[in-house]
């Protein structure tokens, strides 16, 4: 609705004007009435009307003079003259005063409606233009702020030479109070989204969630750097608000996952007291983010919780040691050694270096035995290594390749791990009644790596070790019932290694299609 102020010294005329047309249906509302030019000027300053319906012959300040004053002070306000004077001089004066239209009293409804619609069209275009200008200015201010922030985080320009007034106007005092920073990265961004436009849209969505959460508690700025990070800068009135800021960072993690169905990781440096330190804080945030490789993603990683890398991992293998184990058929030893080395890696660079070393040894050993495999092409494996985001996934990839190579080498030399598996089977057959029996415990008794034992057992028997253990226990339970049908179920379950009678009955029925109780009844 556009706002109208009626200016006429006669009450009756003002009432007739109000009743002459349906203003509301035309998109107008009458917000006030003035009976003289002086009162009109005051009300214009207070009410900010869009359109004046102005009589020429009014006290204090006549209509033409008032129109000129309004046009000079409020050029956006439109004016329609309503008068009983038809002389040329009045019309000429109205035109010079910049009025939109000049109508004679008594008003002709059709002409009056036409003039109002003309005013509405002009005001609509004027409002649209103002909105466009405002949007452009807001957008330009945002771009200017982002450009300024990029200069600050990159540290490429002298701090004292930067114009920080734009930040001051947005509530951020560059050298007062404390500041918090978070660098936010969408996990597996390249894997999830291939098109750059799609990546930009999702980064924009994450930035909006971040802005909404932080706005509720802080003066903040959220922008993007050139490396796909969303950067959040908050101004803290007092350092004791650090806990609140950290809580908001955790909320960003969970809110993004709930709303967008993917995860983000945040790198968070220590607080700092001047935007002059923003560049170093930004580098600390990125350094913290780099540790998601070892610490995992979908979390907040705080710089103060991290320790500098202490160099190569302890117990580093001697050159050729892994290769010697592979050549001698000591596959389990090679596996244990590789797992230990990869587990002790303290950075992405260290782990990739060791992974390349291990994979190169595997390829060398396979080539020595004239074994070819599409899975062991070094360039392809390198591409895979560099594409893996998390250390635990890289470690598993290398160990899987080592097991695969061990199997190829074992098949080639005819050396099966029968003795090891036979020992494991014998140990299970002798100790199945021990309810605490586990893969880890069996591996420890046989001086084996649990993962390696599990892999070999499955390869040799077609069953996992736990499946075989269950098979032995249930087979023995069935034998006992065949010979002693009256054996109490609780005693029967305990005698074959089950602490829970209900769970034992469930496993028995799954294996034999009948509960142990009914099986015993059939045997009586």
Protein backbone atom coordinates (compact mmCIF):
# COMPACT_ATOMS: atom_id res chain seq x y z
CA UNK A 1 0.00 0.00 0.00
CA UNK A 2 1.19 3.50 -0.87
CA UNK A 3 0.52 6.23 1.71
CA UNK A 4 -1.54 9.37 0.92
CA UNK A 5 -1.65 12.68 2.80
CA UNK A 6 -4.65 14.96 1.98
CA UNK A 7 -3.94 18.71 2.27
CA UNK A 8 -6.97 21.04 2.09
CA UNK A 9 -8.24 23.75 4.43
CA UNK A 10 -11.92 22.72 4.08
CA UNK A 11 -13.08 19.74 6.16
CA UNK A 12 -16.02 19.03 3.86
CA UNK A 13 -13.73 18.90 0.81
CA UNK A 14 -11.37 16.51 2.61
CA UNK A 15 -14.30 14.21 3.44
CA UNK A 16 -15.52 14.31 -0.17
CA UNK A 17 -12.03 13.41 -1.41
CA UNK A 18 -11.86 10.40 0.96
CA UNK A 19 -15.24 9.15 -0.31
CA UNK A 20 -14.67 9.86 -4.00
CA UNK A 21 -12.96 6.51 -4.81
CA UNK A 22 -12.08 3.21 -3.15
CA UNK A 23 -8.47 4.03 -2.31
CA UNK A 24 -7.74 0.59 -0.84
CA UNK A 25 -8.70 -1.25 -4.04
CA UNK A 26 -6.33 1.04 -5.97
CA UNK A 27 -3.44 0.22 -3.63
CA UNK A 28 -3.48 3.31 -1.40
CA UNK A 29 -4.17 4.13 2.23
CA UNK A 30 -4.89 7.59 3.67
CA UNK A 31 -2.55 8.19 6.60
CA UNK A 32 -3.47 11.75 7.49
CA UNK A 33 -5.03 15.12 6.72
CA UNK A 34 -3.56 18.65 6.96
CA UNK A 35 -5.50 21.91 6.83
CA UNK A 36 -2.61 24.28 6.00
CA UNK A 37 0.85 24.31 4.42
CA UNK A 38 2.79 24.56 7.69
CA UNK A 39 0.99 21.60 9.27
CA UNK A 40 1.47 19.66 6.04
CA UNK A 41 5.27 20.12 6.12
CA UNK A 42 5.40 18.85 9.71
CA UNK A 43 3.26 15.81 8.94
CA UNK A 44 5.30 15.01 5.81
CA UNK A 45 8.45 14.85 7.95
CA UNK A 46 6.76 12.60 10.51
CA UNK A 47 4.59 10.31 8.35
CA UNK A 48 6.66 10.04 5.14
CA UNK A 49 3.74 9.82 2.66
CA UNK A 50 4.22 8.62 -0.91
CA UNK A 51 1.56 10.85 -2.51
CA UNK A 52 0.12 14.28 -1.65
CA UNK A 53 -3.41 15.29 -2.69
CA UNK A 54 -2.84 19.04 -2.48
CA UNK A 55 -5.14 22.04 -2.77
CA UNK A 56 -3.49 25.19 -4.13
CA UNK A 57 -5.34 27.75 -2.04
CA UNK A 58 -4.38 26.80 1.54
CA UNK A 59 -3.31 29.00 4.48
CA UNK A 60 0.20 29.61 5.83
CA UNK A 61 2.04 28.23 2.77
CA UNK A 62 0.14 28.09 -0.51
CA UNK A 63 -0.04 24.88 -2.53
CA UNK A 64 2.44 25.87 -5.27
CA UNK A 65 5.07 27.01 -2.74
CA UNK A 66 4.53 23.87 -0.67
CA UNK A 67 4.88 21.68 -3.77
CA UNK A 68 8.22 23.34 -4.59
CA UNK A 69 9.50 22.82 -1.02
CA UNK A 70 8.44 19.16 -1.03
CA UNK A 71 10.00 18.57 -4.43
CA UNK A 72 13.29 20.03 -3.17
CA UNK A 73 13.36 18.18 0.17
CA UNK A 74 11.53 14.94 -0.71
CA UNK A 75 11.88 14.37 -4.47
CA UNK A 76 10.54 10.82 -4.11
CA UNK A 77 7.07 12.11 -3.03
CA UNK A 78 4.55 12.49 -5.85
CA UNK A 79 1.96 15.34 -5.87
CA UNK A 80 -1.48 15.64 -7.46
CA UNK A 81 -2.98 19.15 -7.38
CA UNK A 82 -6.73 19.30 -6.67
CA UNK A 83 -8.05 22.83 -7.19
CA UNK A 84 -10.97 24.92 -8.29
CA UNK A 85 -8.66 27.26 -10.23
CA UNK A 86 -8.33 26.56 -13.94
CA UNK A 87 -6.26 29.59 -14.93
CA UNK A 88 -3.13 28.97 -16.97
CA UNK A 89 -0.82 30.63 -14.44
CA UNK A 90 -1.82 28.13 -11.76
CA UNK A 91 -1.33 25.19 -14.08
CA UNK A 92 2.05 26.55 -15.21
CA UNK A 93 3.11 27.05 -11.57
CA UNK A 94 2.07 23.49 -10.72
CA UNK A 95 4.11 22.10 -13.61
CA UNK A 96 7.14 24.14 -12.56
CA UNK A 97 6.70 22.81 -9.00
CA UNK A 98 7.09 19.29 -10.37
CA UNK A 99 3.60 17.93 -9.65
CA UNK A 100 2.46 14.70 -11.25
CA UNK A 101 -1.06 15.82 -12.22
CA UNK A 102 -3.43 18.81 -12.02
CA UNK A 103 -7.14 18.06 -11.47
CA UNK A 104 -10.06 20.48 -11.19
CA UNK A 105 -12.74 20.33 -8.53
CA UNK A 106 -15.30 18.96 -8.33
CA UNK A 107 -13.40 15.74 -9.04
CA UNK A 108 -14.34 13.57 -11.95
CA UNK A 109 -14.14 10.00 -10.62
CA UNK A 110 -12.75 8.59 -13.87
CA UNK A 111 -10.09 11.28 -14.19
CA UNK A 112 -9.21 11.01 -10.50
CA UNK A 113 -8.86 7.20 -10.71
CA UNK A 114 -6.69 7.57 -13.82
CA UNK A 115 -4.43 10.06 -11.99
CA UNK A 116 -4.12 7.75 -8.96
CA UNK A 117 -3.21 4.76 -11.14
CA UNK A 118 -0.64 6.91 -12.91
CA UNK A 119 0.83 7.83 -9.50
CA UNK A 120 0.78 4.17 -8.40
CA UNK A 121 2.64 3.08 -11.53
CA UNK A 122 5.30 5.74 -11.02
CA UNK A 123 5.64 4.96 -7.30
CA UNK A 124 5.90 1.22 -8.05
CA UNK A 125 8.70 1.78 -10.55
CA UNK A 126 10.35 4.15 -8.12
CA UNK A 127 10.14 1.56 -5.29
CA UNK A 128 11.49 -1.16 -7.56
CA UNK A 129 14.41 1.04 -8.53
CA UNK A 130 15.10 1.84 -4.86
CA UNK A 131 15.03 -1.87 -4.03
CA UNK A 132 17.41 -2.61 -6.89
CA UNK A 133 19.77 0.14 -5.73
CA UNK A 134 19.56 -1.08 -2.13
CA UNK A 135 20.21 -4.69 -3.17
CA UNK A 136 23.16 -3.60 -5.28
CA UNK A 137 24.60 -1.55 -2.43
CA UNK A 138 24.16 -4.45 0.01
CA UNK A 139 25.77 -6.83 -2.48
CA UNK A 140 28.60 -4.40 -3.14
CA UNK A 141 29.15 -3.91 0.59
CA UNK A 142 29.29 -7.67 1.04
CA UNK A 143 31.78 -8.02 -1.81
CA UNK A 144 33.88 -5.21 -0.37
CA UNK A 145 33.83 -6.89 3.04
CA UNK A 146 34.77 -10.26 1.57
CA UNK A 147 37.60 -8.68 -0.41
CA UNK A 148 38.83 -7.01 2.76
CA UNK A 149 38.64 -10.25 4.74
CA UNK A 150 40.53 -12.12 2.01
CA UNK A 151 43.29 -9.52 2.21
CA UNK A 152 43.37 -9.91 5.99
CA UNK A 153 43.56 -13.73 6.00
CA UNK A 154 46.11 -13.83 3.18
CA UNK A 155 48.25 -11.17 4.86
CA UNK A 156 49.34 -9.89 1.46
CA UNK A 157 48.88 -6.19 2.27
CA UNK A 158 50.12 -3.99 5.08
CA UNK A 159 47.52 -4.02 7.87
CA UNK A 160 47.80 -0.28 8.56
CA UNK A 161 47.11 0.53 4.91
CA UNK A 162 43.71 -1.22 4.88
CA UNK A 163 40.49 0.76 5.28
CA UNK A 164 38.67 -1.06 8.08
CA UNK A 165 35.80 1.42 8.39
CA UNK A 166 33.50 -1.02 6.58
CA UNK A 167 33.99 -3.52 9.41
CA UNK A 168 33.42 -0.89 12.07
CA UNK A 169 30.07 0.00 10.45
CA UNK A 170 29.04 -3.67 10.66
CA UNK A 171 29.86 -3.81 14.37
CA UNK A 172 33.33 -5.35 14.27
CA UNK A 173 35.99 -3.32 16.12
CA UNK A 174 39.30 -4.42 14.52
CA UNK A 175 41.52 -3.82 17.55
CA UNK A 176 39.18 -4.18 20.54
CA UNK A 177 38.03 -7.28 22.43
CA UNK A 178 38.73 -10.85 21.39
CA UNK A 179 38.02 -12.72 18.17
CA UNK A 180 37.20 -16.32 17.39
CA UNK A 181 37.68 -17.99 14.02
CA UNK A 182 36.55 -21.23 12.40
CA UNK A 183 37.50 -22.63 9.00
CA UNK A 184 34.73 -24.96 7.80
CA UNK A 185 35.23 -27.63 5.14
CA UNK A 186 32.57 -29.85 3.58
CA UNK A 187 33.83 -33.42 3.97
CA UNK A 188 34.40 -35.29 0.68
CA UNK A 189 33.34 -32.20 -1.29
CA UNK A 190 34.82 -33.37 -4.60
CA UNK A 191 33.42 -36.86 -4.14
CA UNK A 192 29.89 -35.65 -3.32
CA UNK A 193 29.58 -32.88 -5.90
CA UNK A 194 31.24 -32.84 -9.30
CA UNK A 195 29.99 -29.56 -10.79
CA UNK A 196 31.49 -26.33 -9.42
CA UNK A 197 28.08 -24.64 -9.39
CA UNK A 198 26.73 -27.46 -7.22
CA UNK A 199 29.67 -27.10 -4.85
CA UNK A 200 29.06 -23.35 -4.61
CA UNK A 201 25.37 -23.86 -3.81
CA UNK A 202 26.11 -26.26 -0.96
CA UNK A 203 28.86 -24.01 0.41
CA UNK A 204 26.34 -21.17 0.35
CA UNK A 205 23.89 -23.37 2.28
CA UNK A 206 26.54 -24.18 4.91
CA UNK A 207 27.43 -20.48 5.17
CA UNK A 208 23.75 -19.62 5.77
CA UNK A 209 23.43 -22.18 8.58
CA UNK A 210 26.66 -20.90 10.11
CA UNK A 211 25.49 -17.28 9.91
CA UNK A 212 22.12 -18.11 11.47
CA UNK A 213 23.69 -19.95 14.42
CA UNK A 214 26.36 -17.35 15.15
CA UNK A 215 24.09 -14.32 14.63
CA UNK A 216 22.02 -15.33 17.64
CA UNK A 217 24.96 -14.79 20.01
CA UNK A 218 27.69 -12.73 18.33
CA UNK A 219 28.56 -9.96 15.93
CA UNK A 220 30.03 -12.06 13.16
CA UNK A 221 31.08 -12.27 9.53
CA UNK A 222 30.86 -15.38 7.35
CA UNK A 223 32.64 -15.53 4.00
CA UNK A 224 34.49 -17.95 1.71
CA UNK A 225 38.17 -18.18 0.91
CA UNK A 226 39.59 -19.36 -2.42
CA UNK A 227 40.20 -22.93 -1.16
CA UNK A 228 36.59 -24.09 -0.63
CA UNK A 229 36.57 -23.14 3.07
CA UNK A 230 33.75 -21.23 4.72
CA UNK A 231 35.34 -18.83 7.21
CA UNK A 232 33.46 -17.63 10.30
CA UNK A 233 34.82 -14.68 12.28
CA UNK A 234 33.14 -13.70 15.55
CA UNK A 235 33.70 -10.73 17.81
CA UNK A 236 33.71 -11.70 21.50
CA UNK A 237 32.90 -9.01 24.04
CA UNK A 238 34.87 -10.92 26.66
CA UNK A 239 37.17 -13.97 26.52
CA UNK A 240 34.74 -15.92 28.73
CA UNK A 241 32.45 -16.23 25.69
CA UNK A 242 34.92 -18.68 24.18
CA UNK A 243 32.92 -21.65 25.53
CA UNK A 244 29.76 -20.29 23.92
CA UNK A 245 31.60 -19.89 20.61
CA UNK A 246 32.91 -23.47 20.79
CA UNK A 247 29.39 -24.68 21.58
CA UNK A 248 28.11 -22.87 18.49
CA UNK A 249 30.82 -24.58 16.41
CA UNK A 250 29.63 -28.01 17.57
CA UNK A 251 26.07 -26.92 16.75
CA UNK A 252 27.15 -26.00 13.21
CA UNK A 253 28.50 -29.55 12.79
CA UNK A 254 25.26 -31.20 13.91
CA UNK A 255 22.92 -28.73 12.17
CA UNK A 256 24.61 -29.15 8.78
CA UNK A 257 24.35 -32.92 9.07
CA UNK A 258 20.67 -32.77 10.09
CA UNK A 259 19.64 -30.23 7.45
CA UNK A 260 21.86 -31.06 4.47
CA UNK A 261 22.64 -34.77 5.06
CA UNK A 262 26.41 -34.42 4.71
CA UNK A 263 29.11 -33.53 7.21
CA UNK A 264 31.56 -30.70 7.79
CA UNK A 265 34.78 -30.44 9.77
CA UNK A 266 35.81 -27.25 11.58
CA UNK A 267 39.37 -26.11 12.28
CA UNK A 268 39.44 -23.70 15.23
CA UNK A 269 42.52 -21.71 16.32
CA UNK A 270 43.08 -19.98 19.67
CA UNK A 271 41.39 -16.63 20.31
CA UNK A 272 43.21 -13.50 19.14
CA UNK A 273 42.89 -9.83 20.07
CA UNK A 274 43.36 -7.93 16.81
CA UNK A 275 42.48 -8.47 13.16
CA UNK A 276 46.17 -7.88 12.55
CA UNK A 277 46.52 -11.50 13.77
CA UNK A 278 43.77 -12.85 11.51
CA UNK A 279 46.21 -14.22 8.93
CA UNK A 280 48.14 -16.34 11.45
CA UNK A 281 44.87 -17.49 13.10
CA UNK A 282 43.60 -18.53 9.64
CA UNK A 283 46.77 -20.57 9.01
CA UNK A 284 46.33 -22.25 12.42
CA UNK A 285 42.73 -23.10 11.49
CA UNK A 286 43.86 -24.72 8.21
CA UNK A 287 46.63 -26.59 10.07
CA UNK A 288 44.00 -27.95 12.46
CA UNK A 289 41.84 -29.00 9.49
CA UNK A 290 44.77 -30.91 8.01
CA UNK A 291 44.62 -33.20 11.05
CA UNK A 292 41.21 -34.54 10.04
CA UNK A 293 43.22 -37.09 8.04
CA UNK A 294 44.34 -38.71 11.30
CA UNK A 295 41.61 -37.55 13.70
CA UNK A 296 38.60 -38.13 11.45
CA UNK A 297 36.03 -35.74 10.00
CA UNK A 298 32.56 -34.51 11.01
CA UNK A 299 34.00 -32.83 14.10
CA UNK A 300 35.58 -29.71 15.53
CA UNK A 301 39.38 -29.84 15.66
CA UNK A 302 40.90 -27.31 18.06
CA UNK A 303 44.41 -26.05 17.40
CA UNK A 304 45.25 -25.99 21.10
CA UNK A 305 44.58 -29.75 21.34
CA UNK A 306 47.19 -30.57 18.71
CA UNK A 307 50.91 -31.09 19.12
CA UNK A 308 53.52 -30.31 16.45
CA UNK A 309 54.73 -33.29 14.44
CA UNK A 310 57.69 -34.95 16.09
CA UNK A 311 59.27 -36.16 12.85
CA UNK A 312 59.34 -39.76 11.54
CA UNK A 313 57.41 -42.35 13.57
CA UNK A 314 59.36 -44.32 16.15
CA UNK A 315 60.58 -47.74 15.19
CA UNK A 316 60.88 -46.91 11.52
CA UNK A 317 61.64 -50.03 9.48
CA UNK A 318 65.10 -50.44 8.00
CA UNK A 319 65.27 -50.15 4.19
CA UNK A 320 64.31 -53.42 2.58
CA UNK A 321 63.06 -55.01 5.82
CA UNK A 322 59.46 -55.40 4.63
CA UNK A 323 60.65 -56.71 1.27
CA UNK A 324 62.84 -59.34 2.98
CA UNK A 325 59.86 -60.56 5.00
CA UNK A 326 57.74 -60.86 1.86
CA UNK A 327 60.49 -62.72 -0.02
CA UNK A 328 60.99 -65.15 2.86
CA UNK A 329 57.28 -65.91 3.10
CA UNK A 330 56.90 -64.19 6.49
CA UNK A 331 53.65 -62.59 5.41
CA UNK A 332 52.24 -62.21 8.90
CA UNK A 333 55.41 -60.45 10.06
CA UNK A 334 55.23 -58.13 7.05
CA UNK A 335 51.56 -57.40 7.82
CA UNK A 336 52.30 -56.64 11.49
CA UNK A 337 55.18 -54.40 10.55
CA UNK A 338 53.12 -52.45 8.01
CA UNK A 339 50.22 -52.02 10.44
CA UNK A 340 52.54 -50.74 13.17
CA UNK A 341 54.24 -48.24 10.89
CA UNK A 342 51.01 -46.86 9.49
CA UNK A 343 49.45 -46.62 12.96
CA UNK A 344 52.37 -44.54 14.24
CA UNK A 345 52.26 -42.03 11.40
CA UNK A 346 51.78 -38.51 12.71
CA UNK A 347 50.77 -36.72 9.52
CA UNK A 348 49.22 -37.27 6.11
CA UNK A 349 52.63 -36.80 4.47
CA UNK A 350 54.26 -39.45 6.67
CA UNK A 351 51.50 -41.96 6.05
CA UNK A 352 51.49 -41.47 2.29
CA UNK A 353 55.30 -41.78 2.21
CA UNK A 354 55.13 -45.08 4.12
CA UNK A 355 52.19 -46.30 2.03
CA UNK A 356 54.10 -45.68 -1.21
CA UNK A 357 57.12 -47.46 0.28
CA UNK A 358 55.04 -50.51 1.24
CA UNK A 359 53.20 -50.69 -2.08
CA UNK A 360 56.49 -50.36 -3.98
CA UNK A 361 57.88 -53.32 -2.01
CA UNK A 362 54.78 -55.34 -2.84
CA UNK A 363 55.15 -54.63 -6.56
CA UNK A 364 58.87 -55.49 -6.45
CA UNK A 365 58.19 -58.80 -4.75
CA UNK A 366 55.41 -59.70 -7.19
CA UNK A 367 57.65 -58.83 -10.16
CA UNK A 368 60.49 -60.97 -8.69
CA UNK A 369 58.06 -63.91 -8.70
CA UNK A 370 56.78 -63.05 -12.19
CA UNK A 371 53.28 -62.42 -10.88
CA UNK A 372 51.15 -59.83 -12.68
CA UNK A 373 47.95 -58.27 -11.38
CA UNK A 374 45.85 -55.31 -12.52
CA UNK A 375 45.44 -54.33 -8.87
CA UNK A 376 49.14 -53.55 -8.48
CA UNK A 377 49.74 -50.75 -10.98
CA UNK A 378 51.72 -48.11 -9.09
CA UNK A 379 50.29 -45.01 -10.80
CA UNK A 380 46.71 -46.12 -10.16
CA UNK A 381 47.50 -46.93 -6.55
CA UNK A 382 49.11 -43.50 -6.11
CA UNK A 383 45.97 -41.81 -7.46
CA UNK A 384 43.91 -43.81 -5.00
CA UNK A 385 46.20 -42.90 -2.07
CA UNK A 386 46.00 -39.19 -2.84
CA UNK A 387 42.20 -39.30 -3.13
CA UNK A 388 41.68 -40.84 0.33
CA UNK A 389 40.67 -38.25 2.93
CA UNK A 390 41.07 -40.20 6.17
CA UNK A 391 44.09 -41.99 7.62
CA UNK A 392 42.12 -45.03 8.78
CA UNK A 393 40.86 -45.58 5.21
CA UNK A 394 44.35 -45.19 3.73
CA UNK A 395 45.77 -47.66 6.26
CA UNK A 396 43.06 -50.21 5.45
CA UNK A 397 43.63 -49.79 1.71
CA UNK A 398 47.36 -50.56 2.08
CA UNK A 399 46.80 -53.53 4.40
CA UNK A 400 44.19 -54.97 2.00
CA UNK A 401 46.72 -54.73 -0.83
CA UNK A 402 49.33 -56.43 1.36
CA UNK A 403 46.95 -59.31 2.15
CA UNK A 404 46.08 -59.60 -1.54
CA UNK A 405 49.76 -59.69 -2.48
CA UNK A 406 50.46 -62.26 0.27
CA UNK A 407 47.75 -64.52 -1.16
CA UNK A 408 49.17 -64.21 -4.69
CA UNK A 409 52.67 -64.97 -3.43
CA UNK A 410 51.43 -67.86 -1.29
CA UNK A 411 49.48 -69.40 -4.17
CA UNK A 412 52.48 -68.99 -6.44
CA UNK A 413 54.89 -70.74 -4.09
CA UNK A 414 52.41 -73.37 -2.95
CA UNK A 415 52.87 -72.26 0.65
CA UNK A 416 49.47 -72.31 2.33
CA UNK A 417 49.03 -71.30 5.92
CA UNK A 418 47.58 -74.70 6.86
CA UNK A 419 49.69 -75.12 9.96
CA UNK A 420 48.55 -71.81 11.42
CA UNK A 421 44.89 -72.53 10.71
CA UNK A 422 45.15 -76.06 12.07
CA UNK A 423 46.58 -74.65 15.29
CA UNK A 424 43.68 -72.19 15.52
CA UNK A 425 41.13 -74.94 14.88
CA UNK A 426 42.74 -77.22 17.45
CA UNK A 427 42.74 -74.42 20.03
CA UNK A 428 39.02 -73.73 19.41
CA UNK A 429 38.13 -77.42 19.60
CA UNK A 430 39.88 -77.66 22.95
CA UNK A 431 38.61 -74.40 24.48
CA UNK A 432 35.14 -73.80 23.02
CA UNK A 433 33.58 -74.08 26.51
CA UNK A 434 35.40 -70.89 27.56
CA UNK A 435 32.75 -68.16 27.31
CA UNK A 436 35.48 -65.48 27.09
CA UNK A 437 37.02 -67.00 23.96
CA UNK A 438 37.47 -64.31 21.25
CA UNK A 439 39.35 -63.75 18.01
CA UNK A 440 41.77 -61.42 19.81
CA UNK A 441 42.36 -63.96 22.58
CA UNK A 442 43.00 -66.81 20.15
CA UNK A 443 45.36 -64.66 18.07
CA UNK A 444 47.28 -63.70 21.21
CA UNK A 445 47.65 -67.35 22.24
CA UNK A 446 49.01 -68.20 18.79
CA UNK A 447 51.22 -65.04 18.67
CA UNK A 448 49.38 -63.78 15.63
CA UNK A 449 47.88 -60.47 14.51
CA UNK A 450 44.08 -60.68 14.96
CA UNK A 451 43.29 -59.13 11.56
CA UNK A 452 45.77 -61.39 9.82
CA UNK A 453 44.41 -64.52 11.56
CA UNK A 454 40.85 -63.54 10.64
CA UNK A 455 41.83 -63.09 7.01
CA UNK A 456 43.72 -66.42 6.79
CA UNK A 457 40.99 -68.37 8.58
CA UNK A 458 38.32 -67.14 6.17
CA UNK A 459 40.55 -67.87 3.17
CA UNK A 460 41.30 -71.42 4.30
CA UNK A 461 37.96 -72.56 5.75
CA UNK A 462 35.36 -70.38 4.06
CA UNK A 463 34.06 -69.45 7.51
CA UNK A 464 34.91 -66.58 9.78
CA UNK A 465 36.56 -67.63 13.00
CA UNK A 466 33.48 -66.65 15.04
CA UNK A 467 31.25 -68.68 12.70
CA UNK A 468 33.45 -71.73 13.20
CA UNK A 469 33.44 -71.25 16.99
CA UNK A 470 29.62 -71.10 16.99
CA UNK A 471 29.45 -74.18 14.79
CA UNK A 472 31.66 -76.18 17.20
CA UNK A 473 29.70 -75.05 20.29
CA UNK A 474 26.30 -75.92 18.81
CA UNK A 475 27.53 -79.24 17.45
CA UNK A 476 28.75 -80.18 20.92
CA UNK A 477 25.44 -79.04 22.50
CA UNK A 478 23.51 -81.24 20.08
CA UNK A 479 25.76 -84.20 20.95
CA UNK A 480 25.12 -83.69 24.67
CA UNK A 481 21.34 -83.62 24.13
CA UNK A 482 21.57 -86.78 22.05
CA UNK A 483 23.17 -88.53 25.01
CA UNK A 484 21.53 -86.66 27.93
CA UNK A 485 18.15 -85.30 26.86
CA UNK A 486 17.30 -84.28 30.41
CA UNK A 487 20.26 -81.91 30.78
CA UNK A 488 19.03 -78.49 32.07
CA UNK A 489 19.30 -75.81 29.41
CA UNK A 490 21.20 -73.40 31.68
CA UNK A 491 23.82 -76.06 32.40
CA UNK A 492 23.93 -77.08 28.73
CA UNK A 493 24.48 -73.48 27.56
CA UNK A 494 27.25 -72.89 30.10
CA UNK A 495 29.00 -76.15 29.20
CA UNK A 496 29.45 -75.04 25.58
CA UNK A 497 30.54 -71.45 26.29
CA UNK A 498 27.26 -69.47 26.42
CA UNK A 499 26.56 -67.19 29.38
CA UNK A 500 23.03 -66.37 28.22
CA UNK A 501 20.58 -69.28 28.00
CA UNK A 502 18.16 -67.28 25.82
CA UNK A 503 20.88 -66.37 23.32
CA UNK A 504 22.04 -70.00 23.22
CA UNK A 505 18.50 -71.17 22.42
CA UNK A 506 18.23 -68.58 19.66
CA UNK A 507 21.54 -69.70 18.05
CA UNK A 508 20.58 -73.41 18.36
CA UNK A 509 17.23 -72.86 16.66
CA UNK A 510 18.85 -70.81 13.89
CA UNK A 511 21.34 -73.62 13.21
CA UNK A 512 19.00 -76.65 13.48
CA UNK A 513 15.54 -75.21 12.89
CA UNK A 514 14.28 -76.31 16.30
CA UNK A 515 14.76 -75.01 19.84
CA UNK A 516 17.01 -77.08 22.18
CA UNK A 517 14.05 -77.62 24.52
CA UNK A 518 11.90 -79.21 21.79
CA UNK A 519 14.89 -81.14 20.47
CA UNK A 520 15.43 -82.62 23.95
CA UNK A 521 11.73 -83.52 24.23
CA UNK A 522 11.95 -85.44 20.94
CA UNK A 523 14.91 -87.38 22.28
CA UNK A 524 13.15 -88.48 25.50
